[in-house]
Amino acid sequence: MVESLSVPTFRVGHTITTNALDVLYKTIKFEGVTMTALLAKAIALAFVKHPLMNSSCRDGNNFTYTCRLNIVVVVAIDGGLITPVLQDVDKEINSNNEFW
């Protein structure tokens, strides 16, 4: 934990509209697809398009690219938080939804 405090952090914000996402969700939610699954899929598509976002730099010079796209989702529960890992979010959304 102490080491993480020595690493510079930053935030980037960008306002987006979700009109198309909302329409898509309304058309496929009857299949059991959740909004969380759709958002995870959108993140996966962004990671495929920008692989540097799914990499790490441990020596300050070289990037290591991860072959799997796993996303952690923070879920509030009574008394705290849980952080399930959504695995292989770049795969078919319907097959992933069964596991999530």
N, C-alpha and C. Protein backbone atom coordinates (compact mmCIF):
# COMPACT_ATOMS: atom_id res chain seq x y z
N MET A 1 0.82 -1.19 0.00
CA MET A 1 0.00 0.00 0.00
C MET A 1 0.86 1.25 0.00
N VAL A 2 1.91 1.28 0.78
CA VAL A 2 2.76 2.46 0.87
C VAL A 2 3.39 2.75 -0.49
N GLU A 3 3.83 1.71 -1.21
CA GLU A 3 4.42 1.92 -2.52
C GLU A 3 3.44 2.55 -3.49
N SER A 4 2.18 2.20 -3.39
CA SER A 4 1.20 2.78 -4.31
C SER A 4 1.04 4.27 -4.10
N LEU A 5 1.35 4.76 -2.91
CA LEU A 5 1.25 6.19 -2.65
C LEU A 5 2.37 6.97 -3.34
N SER A 6 3.43 6.31 -3.74
CA SER A 6 4.53 6.99 -4.41
C SER A 6 4.37 7.04 -5.93
N VAL A 7 3.34 6.40 -6.45
CA VAL A 7 3.10 6.38 -7.89
C VAL A 7 2.14 7.51 -8.25
N PRO A 8 2.49 8.32 -9.25
CA PRO A 8 1.58 9.39 -9.65
C PRO A 8 0.25 8.81 -10.16
N THR A 9 -0.82 9.46 -9.82
CA THR A 9 -2.13 9.05 -10.31
C THR A 9 -2.78 10.22 -11.02
N PHE A 10 -3.75 9.93 -11.84
CA PHE A 10 -4.46 10.98 -12.54
C PHE A 10 -5.86 10.48 -12.88
N ARG A 11 -6.72 11.41 -13.19
CA ARG A 11 -8.07 11.09 -13.61
C ARG A 11 -8.36 11.79 -14.92
N VAL A 12 -9.14 11.15 -15.72
CA VAL A 12 -9.59 11.74 -16.98
C VAL A 12 -11.10 11.62 -16.99
N GLY A 13 -11.77 12.71 -17.29
CA GLY A 13 -13.22 12.68 -17.35
C GLY A 13 -13.70 13.09 -18.73
N HIS A 14 -14.77 12.48 -19.15
CA HIS A 14 -15.35 12.80 -20.45
C HIS A 14 -16.85 12.51 -20.37
N THR A 15 -17.65 13.46 -20.73
CA THR A 15 -19.10 13.28 -20.71
C THR A 15 -19.52 12.52 -21.97
N ILE A 16 -20.33 11.50 -21.77
CA ILE A 16 -20.84 10.72 -22.89
C ILE A 16 -22.36 10.62 -22.79
N THR A 17 -22.98 10.30 -23.89
CA THR A 17 -24.41 10.01 -23.88
C THR A 17 -24.57 8.50 -24.09
N THR A 18 -25.59 7.96 -23.49
CA THR A 18 -25.81 6.51 -23.59
C THR A 18 -27.11 6.17 -24.29
N ASN A 19 -27.57 7.05 -25.14
CA ASN A 19 -28.85 6.81 -25.81
C ASN A 19 -28.85 5.50 -26.60
N ALA A 20 -27.81 5.27 -27.40
CA ALA A 20 -27.75 4.03 -28.19
C ALA A 20 -27.63 2.81 -27.28
N LEU A 21 -26.86 2.94 -26.20
CA LEU A 21 -26.73 1.84 -25.24
C LEU A 21 -28.07 1.53 -24.58
N ASP A 22 -28.80 2.56 -24.23
CA ASP A 22 -30.12 2.37 -23.61
C ASP A 22 -31.08 1.65 -24.55
N VAL A 23 -31.05 2.01 -25.83
CA VAL A 23 -31.91 1.36 -26.81
C VAL A 23 -31.51 -0.11 -26.96
N LEU A 24 -30.21 -0.36 -27.06
CA LEU A 24 -29.73 -1.74 -27.17
C LEU A 24 -30.15 -2.56 -25.95
N TYR A 25 -29.98 -1.99 -24.77
CA TYR A 25 -30.34 -2.71 -23.54
C TYR A 25 -31.82 -3.08 -23.54
N LYS A 26 -32.67 -2.16 -23.95
CA LYS A 26 -34.11 -2.44 -23.97
C LYS A 26 -34.45 -3.57 -24.94
N THR A 27 -33.66 -3.70 -26.01
CA THR A 27 -33.98 -4.74 -26.99
C THR A 27 -33.45 -6.12 -26.60
N ILE A 28 -32.41 -6.19 -25.76
CA ILE A 28 -31.84 -7.51 -25.43
C ILE A 28 -31.97 -7.90 -23.97
N LYS A 29 -32.54 -7.03 -23.14
CA LYS A 29 -32.61 -7.38 -21.72
C LYS A 29 -33.51 -8.58 -21.46
N PHE A 30 -34.48 -8.84 -22.33
CA PHE A 30 -35.34 -10.00 -22.15
C PHE A 30 -34.56 -11.31 -22.29
N GLU A 31 -33.38 -11.26 -22.91
CA GLU A 31 -32.52 -12.44 -23.04
C GLU A 31 -31.70 -12.68 -21.77
N GLY A 32 -31.85 -11.79 -20.78
CA GLY A 32 -31.11 -11.94 -19.54
C GLY A 32 -29.79 -11.18 -19.50
N VAL A 33 -29.53 -10.38 -20.54
CA VAL A 33 -28.31 -9.58 -20.57
C VAL A 33 -28.49 -8.38 -19.66
N THR A 34 -27.52 -8.17 -18.78
CA THR A 34 -27.61 -7.06 -17.82
C THR A 34 -26.86 -5.84 -18.34
N MET A 35 -27.15 -4.69 -17.74
CA MET A 35 -26.43 -3.47 -18.09
C MET A 35 -24.96 -3.61 -17.72
N THR A 36 -24.67 -4.31 -16.63
CA THR A 36 -23.27 -4.55 -16.25
C THR A 36 -22.54 -5.30 -17.36
N ALA A 37 -23.18 -6.31 -17.93
CA ALA A 37 -22.57 -7.07 -19.02
C ALA A 37 -22.33 -6.19 -20.23
N LEU A 38 -23.27 -5.32 -20.54
CA LEU A 38 -23.09 -4.40 -21.68
C LEU A 38 -21.94 -3.43 -21.44
N LEU A 39 -21.86 -2.89 -20.24
CA LEU A 39 -20.76 -1.97 -19.92
C LEU A 39 -19.42 -2.69 -19.96
N ALA A 40 -19.37 -3.91 -19.45
CA ALA A 40 -18.13 -4.69 -19.49
C ALA A 40 -17.72 -4.95 -20.94
N LYS A 41 -18.69 -5.25 -21.78
CA LYS A 41 -18.40 -5.48 -23.20
C LYS A 41 -17.88 -4.21 -23.85
N ALA A 42 -18.46 -3.07 -23.52
CA ALA A 42 -17.99 -1.79 -24.07
C ALA A 42 -16.54 -1.52 -23.65
N ILE A 43 -16.23 -1.81 -22.40
CA ILE A 43 -14.85 -1.64 -21.92
C ILE A 43 -13.92 -2.59 -22.67
N ALA A 44 -14.36 -3.82 -22.87
CA ALA A 44 -13.53 -4.80 -23.59
C ALA A 44 -13.24 -4.32 -25.01
N LEU A 45 -14.25 -3.78 -25.67
CA LEU A 45 -14.04 -3.28 -27.03
C LEU A 45 -13.04 -2.13 -27.04
N ALA A 46 -13.11 -1.27 -26.03
CA ALA A 46 -12.15 -0.17 -25.92
C ALA A 46 -10.74 -0.70 -25.67
N PHE A 47 -10.62 -1.74 -24.84
CA PHE A 47 -9.30 -2.33 -24.57
C PHE A 47 -8.72 -3.00 -25.82
N VAL A 48 -9.57 -3.63 -26.62
CA VAL A 48 -9.10 -4.25 -27.86
C VAL A 48 -8.60 -3.16 -28.81
N LYS A 49 -9.31 -2.06 -28.87
CA LYS A 49 -8.92 -0.95 -29.74
C LYS A 49 -7.68 -0.23 -29.22
N HIS A 50 -7.51 -0.18 -27.90
CA HIS A 50 -6.40 0.52 -27.26
C HIS A 50 -5.70 -0.44 -26.28
N PRO A 51 -4.90 -1.38 -26.79
CA PRO A 51 -4.32 -2.42 -25.93
C PRO A 51 -3.41 -1.89 -24.82
N LEU A 52 -2.89 -0.70 -24.97
CA LEU A 52 -2.05 -0.14 -23.92
C LEU A 52 -2.83 0.01 -22.61
N MET A 53 -4.15 0.18 -22.70
CA MET A 53 -4.98 0.32 -21.51
C MET A 53 -5.06 -0.99 -20.71
N ASN A 54 -4.74 -2.10 -21.34
CA ASN A 54 -4.77 -3.40 -20.66
C ASN A 54 -3.35 -3.94 -20.51
N SER A 55 -2.44 -3.05 -20.15
CA SER A 55 -1.04 -3.43 -20.00
C SER A 55 -0.50 -2.90 -18.68
N SER A 56 0.72 -3.29 -18.37
CA SER A 56 1.37 -2.77 -17.17
C SER A 56 2.82 -2.43 -17.52
N CYS A 57 3.38 -1.51 -16.77
CA CYS A 57 4.77 -1.10 -16.95
C CYS A 57 5.45 -1.20 -15.59
N ARG A 58 6.23 -2.24 -15.41
CA ARG A 58 6.82 -2.48 -14.09
C ARG A 58 8.23 -1.94 -13.95
N ASP A 59 8.94 -1.77 -15.05
CA ASP A 59 10.32 -1.29 -14.95
C ASP A 59 10.48 0.15 -15.40
N GLY A 60 9.39 0.79 -15.77
CA GLY A 60 9.46 2.17 -16.22
C GLY A 60 9.75 2.34 -17.69
N ASN A 61 10.02 1.25 -18.39
CA ASN A 61 10.37 1.33 -19.81
C ASN A 61 9.55 0.43 -20.72
N ASN A 62 9.29 -0.77 -20.28
CA ASN A 62 8.66 -1.77 -21.14
C ASN A 62 7.26 -2.12 -20.65
N PHE A 63 6.35 -2.25 -21.61
CA PHE A 63 4.98 -2.60 -21.29
C PHE A 63 4.76 -4.10 -21.48
N THR A 64 4.01 -4.68 -20.57
CA THR A 64 3.60 -6.08 -20.68
C THR A 64 2.11 -6.07 -20.97
N TYR A 65 1.74 -6.71 -22.06
CA TYR A 65 0.34 -6.75 -22.47
C TYR A 65 -0.31 -8.03 -21.95
N THR A 66 -1.49 -7.89 -21.40
CA THR A 66 -2.22 -9.02 -20.84
C THR A 66 -3.03 -9.67 -21.95
N CYS A 67 -3.01 -11.00 -22.00
CA CYS A 67 -3.71 -11.70 -23.08
C CYS A 67 -5.20 -11.87 -22.77
N ARG A 68 -5.60 -11.76 -21.51
CA ARG A 68 -7.01 -11.91 -21.16
C ARG A 68 -7.58 -10.56 -20.71
N LEU A 69 -8.85 -10.36 -21.00
CA LEU A 69 -9.53 -9.14 -20.58
C LEU A 69 -10.47 -9.47 -19.43
N ASN A 70 -10.02 -9.20 -18.22
CA ASN A 70 -10.81 -9.40 -17.01
C ASN A 70 -11.05 -8.04 -16.37
N ILE A 71 -12.27 -7.80 -15.92
CA ILE A 71 -12.64 -6.52 -15.33
C ILE A 71 -13.21 -6.76 -13.94
N VAL A 72 -12.77 -5.95 -13.00
CA VAL A 72 -13.30 -6.01 -11.63
C VAL A 72 -14.43 -5.00 -11.52
N VAL A 73 -15.54 -5.43 -10.95
CA VAL A 73 -16.69 -4.56 -10.72
C VAL A 73 -16.89 -4.44 -9.21
N VAL A 74 -17.01 -3.23 -8.73
CA VAL A 74 -17.24 -3.02 -7.30
C VAL A 74 -18.75 -3.02 -7.05
N VAL A 75 -19.19 -3.84 -6.11
CA VAL A 75 -20.61 -3.97 -5.80
C VAL A 75 -20.81 -3.68 -4.32
N ALA A 76 -21.70 -2.75 -4.03
CA ALA A 76 -22.01 -2.41 -2.63
C ALA A 76 -22.95 -3.46 -2.05
N ILE A 77 -22.61 -3.93 -0.85
CA ILE A 77 -23.47 -4.84 -0.11
C ILE A 77 -23.59 -4.30 1.31
N ASP A 78 -24.53 -4.83 2.06
CA ASP A 78 -24.65 -4.40 3.45
C ASP A 78 -23.34 -4.63 4.18
N GLY A 79 -22.79 -3.59 4.74
CA GLY A 79 -21.57 -3.72 5.52
C GLY A 79 -20.28 -3.65 4.73
N GLY A 80 -20.34 -3.35 3.45
CA GLY A 80 -19.08 -3.24 2.72
C GLY A 80 -19.22 -3.34 1.22
N LEU A 81 -18.15 -3.82 0.62
CA LEU A 81 -18.09 -3.95 -0.83
C LEU A 81 -17.56 -5.34 -1.18
N ILE A 82 -17.97 -5.83 -2.34
CA ILE A 82 -17.34 -7.01 -2.90
C ILE A 82 -16.84 -6.63 -4.29
N THR A 83 -15.83 -7.34 -4.76
CA THR A 83 -15.24 -7.00 -6.06
C THR A 83 -15.11 -8.25 -6.93
N PRO A 84 -16.21 -8.69 -7.52
CA PRO A 84 -16.12 -9.85 -8.40
C PRO A 84 -15.34 -9.52 -9.67
N VAL A 85 -14.65 -10.52 -10.18
CA VAL A 85 -13.89 -10.37 -11.42
C VAL A 85 -14.73 -10.94 -12.57
N LEU A 86 -15.02 -10.11 -13.55
CA LEU A 86 -15.71 -10.57 -14.76
C LEU A 86 -14.63 -11.02 -15.72
N GLN A 87 -14.58 -12.31 -16.00
CA GLN A 87 -13.49 -12.86 -16.80
C GLN A 87 -13.84 -12.93 -18.28
N ASP A 88 -12.82 -12.69 -19.08
CA ASP A 88 -12.93 -12.80 -20.54
C ASP A 88 -14.07 -11.95 -21.10
N VAL A 89 -14.08 -10.68 -20.74
CA VAL A 89 -15.16 -9.80 -21.17
C VAL A 89 -15.15 -9.54 -22.67
N ASP A 90 -14.09 -9.94 -23.35
CA ASP A 90 -14.04 -9.76 -24.80
C ASP A 90 -14.75 -10.89 -25.55
N LYS A 91 -15.22 -11.91 -24.83
CA LYS A 91 -15.91 -13.03 -25.47
C LYS A 91 -17.37 -12.68 -25.74
N GLU A 92 -18.10 -13.62 -26.29
CA GLU A 92 -19.51 -13.43 -26.62
C GLU A 92 -20.30 -13.02 -25.38
N ILE A 93 -21.09 -11.97 -25.49
CA ILE A 93 -21.78 -11.40 -24.32
C ILE A 93 -22.79 -12.38 -23.72
N ASN A 94 -23.50 -13.14 -24.53
CA ASN A 94 -24.49 -14.06 -23.98
C ASN A 94 -23.84 -15.20 -23.20
N SER A 95 -22.70 -15.70 -23.67
CA SER A 95 -22.05 -16.78 -22.93
C SER A 95 -21.46 -16.27 -21.63
N ASN A 96 -20.93 -15.05 -21.62
CA ASN A 96 -20.39 -14.48 -20.39
C ASN A 96 -21.48 -14.20 -19.38
N ASN A 97 -22.62 -13.75 -19.85
CA ASN A 97 -23.70 -13.38 -18.95
C ASN A 97 -24.13 -14.56 -18.09
N GLU A 98 -24.00 -15.78 -18.61
CA GLU A 98 -24.35 -16.96 -17.82
C GLU A 98 -23.41 -17.13 -16.62
N PHE A 99 -22.15 -16.78 -16.80
CA PHE A 99 -21.17 -16.95 -15.73
C PHE A 99 -21.18 -15.80 -14.75
N TRP A 100 -21.61 -14.62 -15.17
CA TRP A 100 -21.62 -13.46 -14.30
C TRP A 100 -22.89 -13.45 -13.50
